[in-house]
């Protein structure tokens, strides 16, 4: 079954995912800020929670406004597991670390902002292109997607990596590596197969001149 080929609202599934993500955000907040009232809360915890709040708003916007394809209940049941890694997993890993923020964290905040821009910005560009009737049946290859066929996924990898830096734990590096592996070995091949079948020569020409994921690299 080609999920990318089927268009549907899937509002119940999307609201379910958003509700579970909100619950995970609340669990994260309790873990980060639920200690003794007189306990000083390290600044890096506030940064981590701000990351989660931004991601929650972005993902909710993406699902409710930008995402047009069908979402089966099986997918709705698995998406929260990934976000549990981001919202709760990084919160667990950051707890032993009260180090003040440093230059690496400043770079991580910039990396997070860049990742969010690449993901949501590229999706908005494609959404605007697809909304114009004259572009029916055309593959979007402009804007940020001219730099990478899956620039939105590259943005995801960047903001997940930013989480790992702020979490200040060597174990946190495993999460962006898992995210990268998921895109490289599952999501990108699945989406490329759909695009090749749906757009044919348009996709072949695009793939021949454009990096798959990382601009200038691969």
C-alpha atoms as a PDB file:
ATOM      1  CA  UNK A   1       0.000   0.000   0.000  1.00  0.00           C
ATOM      2  CA  UNK A   2       1.438   3.364  -1.059  1.00  0.00           C
ATOM      3  CA  UNK A   3       0.633   5.821   1.736  1.00  0.00           C
ATOM      4  CA  UNK A   4       2.017   8.752  -0.249  1.00  0.00           C
ATOM      5  CA  UNK A   5      -0.401   8.121  -3.107  1.00  0.00           C
ATOM      6  CA  UNK A   6      -3.568   8.224  -0.994  1.00  0.00           C
ATOM      7  CA  UNK A   7      -5.107  11.552  -0.013  1.00  0.00           C
ATOM      8  CA  UNK A   8      -7.379  11.799   3.017  1.00  0.00           C
ATOM      9  CA  UNK A   9      -8.094  14.097   5.952  1.00  0.00           C
ATOM     10  CA  UNK A  10      -7.436  11.507   8.694  1.00  0.00           C
ATOM     11  CA  UNK A  11      -8.484  14.025  11.353  1.00  0.00           C
ATOM     12  CA  UNK A  12      -9.202  11.459  14.116  1.00  0.00           C
ATOM     13  CA  UNK A  13      -5.755   9.917  13.661  1.00  0.00           C
ATOM     14  CA  UNK A  14      -4.033  13.298  13.617  1.00  0.00           C
ATOM     15  CA  UNK A  15      -5.837  14.506  16.739  1.00  0.00           C
ATOM     16  CA  UNK A  16      -4.922  11.266  18.486  1.00  0.00           C
ATOM     17  CA  UNK A  17      -1.245  11.758  17.668  1.00  0.00           C
ATOM     18  CA  UNK A  18      -1.367  15.386  18.812  1.00  0.00           C
ATOM     19  CA  UNK A  19      -3.078  14.382  22.066  1.00  0.00           C
ATOM     20  CA  UNK A  20      -0.457  11.737  22.828  1.00  0.00           C
ATOM     21  CA  UNK A  21       2.339  14.164  21.995  1.00  0.00           C
ATOM     22  CA  UNK A  22       0.830  16.722  24.368  1.00  0.00           C
ATOM     23  CA  UNK A  23       0.777  14.092  27.119  1.00  0.00           C
ATOM     24  CA  UNK A  24       4.450  13.356  26.420  1.00  0.00           C
ATOM     25  CA  UNK A  25       5.252  17.074  26.640  1.00  0.00           C
ATOM     26  CA  UNK A  26       3.585  17.198  30.067  1.00  0.00           C
ATOM     27  CA  UNK A  27       5.584  14.173  31.221  1.00  0.00           C
ATOM     28  CA  UNK A  28       8.734  15.903  30.008  1.00  0.00           C
ATOM     29  CA  UNK A  29       7.832  19.084  31.907  1.00  0.00           C
ATOM     30  CA  UNK A  30       7.253  17.101  35.097  1.00  0.00           C
ATOM     31  CA  UNK A  31      10.634  15.398  34.730  1.00  0.00           C
ATOM     32  CA  UNK A  32      12.505  18.618  34.002  1.00  0.00           C
ATOM     33  CA  UNK A  33      10.808  20.943  36.471  1.00  0.00           C
ATOM     34  CA  UNK A  34       9.031  18.727  39.017  1.00  0.00           C
ATOM     35  CA  UNK A  35      11.811  18.596  41.612  1.00  0.00           C
ATOM     36  CA  UNK A  36      11.878  20.306  45.024  1.00  0.00           C
ATOM     37  CA  UNK A  37      10.569  23.866  44.999  1.00  0.00           C
ATOM     38  CA  UNK A  38      13.917  25.242  46.173  1.00  0.00           C
ATOM     39  CA  UNK A  39      15.909  23.377  43.512  1.00  0.00           C
ATOM     40  CA  UNK A  40      17.633  25.590  40.949  1.00  0.00           C
ATOM     41  CA  UNK A  41      16.671  24.506  37.446  1.00  0.00           C
ATOM     42  CA  UNK A  42      19.640  24.425  35.040  1.00  0.00           C
ATOM     43  CA  UNK A  43      19.271  26.656  32.001  1.00  0.00           C
ATOM     44  CA  UNK A  44      19.872  23.744  29.626  1.00  0.00           C
ATOM     45  CA  UNK A  45      16.629  22.137  30.842  1.00  0.00           C
ATOM     46  CA  UNK A  46      14.721  25.253  29.823  1.00  0.00           C
ATOM     47  CA  UNK A  47      16.378  25.153  26.402  1.00  0.00           C
ATOM     48  CA  UNK A  48      15.487  21.482  25.975  1.00  0.00           C
ATOM     49  CA  UNK A  49      11.870  22.100  26.937  1.00  0.00           C
ATOM     50  CA  UNK A  50      11.697  25.092  24.576  1.00  0.00           C
ATOM     51  CA  UNK A  51      12.889  22.780  21.792  1.00  0.00           C
ATOM     52  CA  UNK A  52      10.072  20.355  22.598  1.00  0.00           C
ATOM     53  CA  UNK A  53       7.452  23.119  22.686  1.00  0.00           C
ATOM     54  CA  UNK A  54       8.561  24.389  19.272  1.00  0.00           C
ATOM     55  CA  UNK A  55       8.565  20.883  17.788  1.00  0.00           C
ATOM     56  CA  UNK A  56       5.095  20.177  19.178  1.00  0.00           C
ATOM     57  CA  UNK A  57       3.682  23.343  17.590  1.00  0.00           C
ATOM     58  CA  UNK A  58       5.444  22.641  14.281  1.00  0.00           C
ATOM     59  CA  UNK A  59       4.349  19.027  14.088  1.00  0.00           C
ATOM     60  CA  UNK A  60       0.753  19.916  14.958  1.00  0.00           C
ATOM     61  CA  UNK A  61       0.734  22.564  12.224  1.00  0.00           C
ATOM     62  CA  UNK A  62       2.259  20.129   9.741  1.00  0.00           C
ATOM     63  CA  UNK A  63      -0.279  17.405  10.424  1.00  0.00           C
ATOM     64  CA  UNK A  64      -3.348  19.642  10.506  1.00  0.00           C
ATOM     65  CA  UNK A  65      -2.467  22.000   7.647  1.00  0.00           C
ATOM     66  CA  UNK A  66       0.318  20.660   5.431  1.00  0.00           C
ATOM     67  CA  UNK A  67      -0.137  16.893   5.534  1.00  0.00           C
ATOM     68  CA  UNK A  68      -2.661  15.781   2.916  1.00  0.00           C
ATOM     69  CA  UNK A  69      -1.910  12.085   2.620  1.00  0.00           C
ATOM     70  CA  UNK A  70      -3.727   9.264   4.321  1.00  0.00           C
ATOM     71  CA  UNK A  71      -2.636   8.282   7.853  1.00  0.00           C
ATOM     72  CA  UNK A  72      -3.687   4.748   8.856  1.00  0.00           C
ATOM     73  CA  UNK A  73      -4.266   3.979  12.521  1.00  0.00           C
ATOM     74  CA  UNK A  74      -1.179   1.756  12.503  1.00  0.00           C
ATOM     75  CA  UNK A  75       0.939   4.810  11.665  1.00  0.00           C
ATOM     76  CA  UNK A  76      -0.869   6.966  14.220  1.00  0.00           C
ATOM     77  CA  UNK A  77       0.003   4.359  16.850  1.00  0.00           C
ATOM     78  CA  UNK A  78       3.724   4.344  16.023  1.00  0.00           C
ATOM     79  CA  UNK A  79       4.473   8.063  15.519  1.00  0.00           C
ATOM     80  CA  UNK A  80       4.309   8.841  19.271  1.00  0.00           C
ATOM     81  CA  UNK A  81       7.108   6.336  19.943  1.00  0.00           C
ATOM     82  CA  UNK A  82       9.507   8.521  17.940  1.00  0.00           C
ATOM     83  CA  UNK A  83       8.393  11.638  19.753  1.00  0.00           C
ATOM     84  CA  UNK A  84       8.715   9.870  23.090  1.00  0.00           C
ATOM     85  CA  UNK A  85      12.435   9.628  22.275  1.00  0.00           C
ATOM     86  CA  UNK A  86      12.588  13.373  21.660  1.00  0.00           C
ATOM     87  CA  UNK A  87      10.322  14.685  24.409  1.00  0.00           C
ATOM     88  CA  UNK A  88      10.983  12.131  27.164  1.00  0.00           C
ATOM     89  CA  UNK A  89      14.203  10.396  26.098  1.00  0.00           C
ATOM     90  CA  UNK A  90      16.245  13.577  25.932  1.00  0.00           C
ATOM     91  CA  UNK A  91      14.638  14.776  29.193  1.00  0.00           C
ATOM     92  CA  UNK A  92      15.852  11.608  30.937  1.00  0.00           C
ATOM     93  CA  UNK A  93      19.352  11.987  29.526  1.00  0.00           C
ATOM     94  CA  UNK A  94      19.710  15.630  30.531  1.00  0.00           C
ATOM     95  CA  UNK A  95      18.754  15.140  34.197  1.00  0.00           C
ATOM     96  CA  UNK A  96      22.274  14.376  35.526  1.00  0.00           C
ATOM     97  CA  UNK A  97      23.775  17.368  33.733  1.00  0.00           C
ATOM     98  CA  UNK A  98      23.591  20.821  35.294  1.00  0.00           C
ATOM     99  CA  UNK A  99      26.528  22.333  33.412  1.00  0.00           C
ATOM    100  CA  UNK A 100      26.038  25.950  32.343  1.00  0.00           C
ATOM    101  CA  UNK A 101      25.342  26.598  28.694  1.00  0.00           C
ATOM    102  CA  UNK A 102      28.419  27.071  26.542  1.00  0.00           C
ATOM    103  CA  UNK A 103      29.446  27.769  22.949  1.00  0.00           C
ATOM    104  CA  UNK A 104      28.456  24.258  21.839  1.00  0.00           C
ATOM    105  CA  UNK A 105      24.946  24.881  23.135  1.00  0.00           C
ATOM    106  CA  UNK A 106      24.779  28.206  21.309  1.00  0.00           C
ATOM    107  CA  UNK A 107      25.673  26.365  18.115  1.00  0.00           C
ATOM    108  CA  UNK A 108      23.039  23.736  18.922  1.00  0.00           C
ATOM    109  CA  UNK A 109      20.356  26.412  19.263  1.00  0.00           C
ATOM    110  CA  UNK A 110      21.357  27.804  15.862  1.00  0.00           C
ATOM    111  CA  UNK A 111      21.352  24.267  14.437  1.00  0.00           C
ATOM    112  CA  UNK A 112      17.878  23.689  15.860  1.00  0.00           C
ATOM    113  CA  UNK A 113      16.577  26.888  14.263  1.00  0.00           C
ATOM    114  CA  UNK A 114      18.140  25.938  10.921  1.00  0.00           C
ATOM    115  CA  UNK A 115      16.652  22.447  11.063  1.00  0.00           C
ATOM    116  CA  UNK A 116      13.184  23.788  11.814  1.00  0.00           C
ATOM    117  CA  UNK A 117      13.487  26.296   8.982  1.00  0.00           C
ATOM    118  CA  UNK A 118      14.582  23.668   6.472  1.00  0.00           C
ATOM    119  CA  UNK A 119      11.781  21.306   7.435  1.00  0.00           C
ATOM    120  CA  UNK A 120       8.810  23.634   7.776  1.00  0.00           C
ATOM    121  CA  UNK A 121      10.070  26.173   5.242  1.00  0.00           C
ATOM    122  CA  UNK A 122      10.463  23.552   2.529  1.00  0.00           C
ATOM    123  CA  UNK A 123       7.052  22.065   3.294  1.00  0.00           C
ATOM    124  CA  UNK A 124       5.426  25.500   3.040  1.00  0.00           C
ATOM    125  CA  UNK A 125       7.155  26.147  -0.293  1.00  0.00           C
ATOM    126  CA  UNK A 126       5.921  22.837  -1.674  1.00  0.00           C
ATOM    127  CA  UNK A 127       2.430  23.409  -0.283  1.00  0.00           C
ATOM    128  CA  UNK A 128       2.192  26.764  -2.064  1.00  0.00           C
ATOM    129  CA  UNK A 129       3.401  25.203  -5.325  1.00  0.00           C
ATOM    130  CA  UNK A 130       0.910  22.334  -5.138  1.00  0.00           C
ATOM    131  CA  UNK A 131      -1.969  24.691  -4.314  1.00  0.00           C
ATOM    132  CA  UNK A 132      -1.733  26.375  -7.734  1.00  0.00           C
ATOM    133  CA  UNK A 133      -3.892  24.607 -10.366  1.00  0.00           C
ATOM    134  CA  UNK A 134      -1.339  25.114 -13.142  1.00  0.00           C
ATOM    135  CA  UNK A 135       1.104  22.909 -11.210  1.00  0.00           C
ATOM    136  CA  UNK A 136      -1.144  19.837 -11.158  1.00  0.00           C
ATOM    137  CA  UNK A 137       0.891  16.737 -11.990  1.00  0.00           C
ATOM    138  CA  UNK A 138       4.211  18.540 -11.568  1.00  0.00           C
ATOM    139  CA  UNK A 139       6.987  17.520  -9.189  1.00  0.00           C
ATOM    140  CA  UNK A 140       8.214  20.364  -6.972  1.00  0.00           C
ATOM    141  CA  UNK A 141      11.984  20.731  -7.381  1.00  0.00           C
ATOM    142  CA  UNK A 142      12.534  24.409  -6.587  1.00  0.00           C
ATOM    143  CA  UNK A 143      13.235  26.482  -3.487  1.00  0.00           C
ATOM    144  CA  UNK A 144      14.886  24.527  -0.702  1.00  0.00           C
ATOM    145  CA  UNK A 145      14.159  21.286  -2.538  1.00  0.00           C
ATOM    146  CA  UNK A 146      16.665  22.361  -5.199  1.00  0.00           C
ATOM    147  CA  UNK A 147      19.410  21.756  -2.615  1.00  0.00           C
ATOM    148  CA  UNK A 148      18.308  18.255  -1.639  1.00  0.00           C
ATOM    149  CA  UNK A 149      15.546  15.879  -2.693  1.00  0.00           C
ATOM    150  CA  UNK A 150      14.638  15.384   0.963  1.00  0.00           C
ATOM    151  CA  UNK A 151      15.716  18.680   2.492  1.00  0.00           C
ATOM    152  CA  UNK A 152      12.802  18.443   4.939  1.00  0.00           C
ATOM    153  CA  UNK A 153      14.227  15.194   6.346  1.00  0.00           C
ATOM    154  CA  UNK A 154      17.680  16.774   6.543  1.00  0.00           C
ATOM    155  CA  UNK A 155      16.126  19.532   8.631  1.00  0.00           C
ATOM    156  CA  UNK A 156      14.704  16.902  10.972  1.00  0.00           C
ATOM    157  CA  UNK A 157      18.134  15.361  11.453  1.00  0.00           C
ATOM    158  CA  UNK A 158      19.614  18.765  12.320  1.00  0.00           C
ATOM    159  CA  UNK A 159      17.087  19.633  15.013  1.00  0.00           C
ATOM    160  CA  UNK A 160      17.310  16.159  16.544  1.00  0.00           C
ATOM    161  CA  UNK A 161      21.105  16.524  16.628  1.00  0.00           C
ATOM    162  CA  UNK A 162      20.654  19.874  18.387  1.00  0.00           C
ATOM    163  CA  UNK A 163      18.627  18.146  21.107  1.00  0.00           C
ATOM    164  CA  UNK A 164      21.485  15.671  21.596  1.00  0.00           C
ATOM    165  CA  UNK A 165      24.061  18.436  22.062  1.00  0.00           C
ATOM    166  CA  UNK A 166      21.969  20.286  24.647  1.00  0.00           C
ATOM    167  CA  UNK A 167      21.215  17.036  26.507  1.00  0.00           C
ATOM    168  CA  UNK A 168      24.968  16.898  27.163  1.00  0.00           C
ATOM    169  CA  UNK A 169      25.087  13.097  27.254  1.00  0.00           C
ATOM    170  CA  UNK A 170      27.142  10.798  25.054  1.00  0.00           C
ATOM    171  CA  UNK A 171      24.169   8.418  24.944  1.00  0.00           C
ATOM    172  CA  UNK A 172      22.027  11.154  23.400  1.00  0.00           C
ATOM    173  CA  UNK A 173      24.020  10.806  20.167  1.00  0.00           C
ATOM    174  CA  UNK A 174      22.242   7.505  19.540  1.00  0.00           C
ATOM    175  CA  UNK A 175      18.912   9.245  18.913  1.00  0.00           C
ATOM    176  CA  UNK A 176      19.918  11.352  15.862  1.00  0.00           C
ATOM    177  CA  UNK A 177      21.776   8.297  14.529  1.00  0.00           C
ATOM    178  CA  UNK A 178      18.573   6.261  14.770  1.00  0.00           C
ATOM    179  CA  UNK A 179      16.684   9.103  13.066  1.00  0.00           C
ATOM    180  CA  UNK A 180      19.257   9.250  10.258  1.00  0.00           C
ATOM    181  CA  UNK A 181      19.133   5.474   9.787  1.00  0.00           C
ATOM    182  CA  UNK A 182      15.335   5.513   9.605  1.00  0.00           C
ATOM    183  CA  UNK A 183      15.382   8.105   6.836  1.00  0.00           C
ATOM    184  CA  UNK A 184      18.232   6.521   4.857  1.00  0.00           C
ATOM    185  CA  UNK A 185      17.108   2.904   5.005  1.00  0.00           C
ATOM    186  CA  UNK A 186      13.316   3.195   5.157  1.00  0.00           C
ATOM    187  CA  UNK A 187      11.596   6.520   4.575  1.00  0.00           C
ATOM    188  CA  UNK A 188      13.679   7.850   1.678  1.00  0.00           C
ATOM    189  CA  UNK A 189      13.587   4.594  -0.358  1.00  0.00           C
ATOM    190  CA  UNK A 190       9.822   4.342   0.222  1.00  0.00           C
ATOM    191  CA  UNK A 191       9.181   7.928  -0.841  1.00  0.00           C
ATOM    192  CA  UNK A 192      11.560   7.727  -3.817  1.00  0.00           C
ATOM    193  CA  UNK A 193       9.723   4.641  -5.059  1.00  0.00           C
ATOM    194  CA  UNK A 194       6.418   6.523  -4.899  1.00  0.00           C
ATOM    195  CA  UNK A 195       7.845   9.605  -6.627  1.00  0.00           C
ATOM    196  CA  UNK A 196       9.425   7.529  -9.402  1.00  0.00           C
ATOM    197  CA  UNK A 197       6.137   5.729 -10.068  1.00  0.00           C
ATOM    198  CA  UNK A 198       4.039   8.890  -9.878  1.00  0.00           C
ATOM    199  CA  UNK A 199       6.248  11.392 -11.737  1.00  0.00           C
ATOM    200  CA  UNK A 200       8.354   9.164 -14.007  1.00  0.00           C
ATOM    201  CA  UNK A 201      10.793  11.167 -16.146  1.00  0.00           C
ATOM    202  CA  UNK A 202      10.335  14.284 -13.991  1.00  0.00           C
ATOM    203  CA  UNK A 203      11.634  12.397 -10.977  1.00  0.00           C
ATOM    204  CA  UNK A 204      14.461  10.740 -12.918  1.00  0.00           C
ATOM    205  CA  UNK A 205      15.759  14.122 -14.094  1.00  0.00           C
ATOM    206  CA  UNK A 206      15.436  15.586 -10.590  1.00  0.00           C
ATOM    207  CA  UNK A 207      17.267  12.638  -9.011  1.00  0.00           C
ATOM    208  CA  UNK A 208      20.067  12.868 -11.577  1.00  0.00           C
ATOM    209  CA  UNK A 209      20.931  16.467 -10.683  1.00  0.00           C
ATOM    210  CA  UNK A 210      20.075  16.690  -6.972  1.00  0.00           C
ATOM    211  CA  UNK A 211      21.607  15.223  -3.815  1.00  0.00           C
ATOM    212  CA  UNK A 212      19.280  12.838  -1.993  1.00  0.00           C
ATOM    213  CA  UNK A 213      19.516  14.119   1.585  1.00  0.00           C
ATOM    214  CA  UNK A 214      22.551  16.203   2.546  1.00  0.00           C
ATOM    215  CA  UNK A 215      23.260  19.201   0.272  1.00  0.00           C
ATOM    216  CA  UNK A 216      26.606  18.925  -1.564  1.00  0.00           C
ATOM    217  CA  UNK A 217      27.303  15.514   0.048  1.00  0.00           C
ATOM    218  CA  UNK A 218      24.713  12.779  -0.648  1.00  0.00           C
END
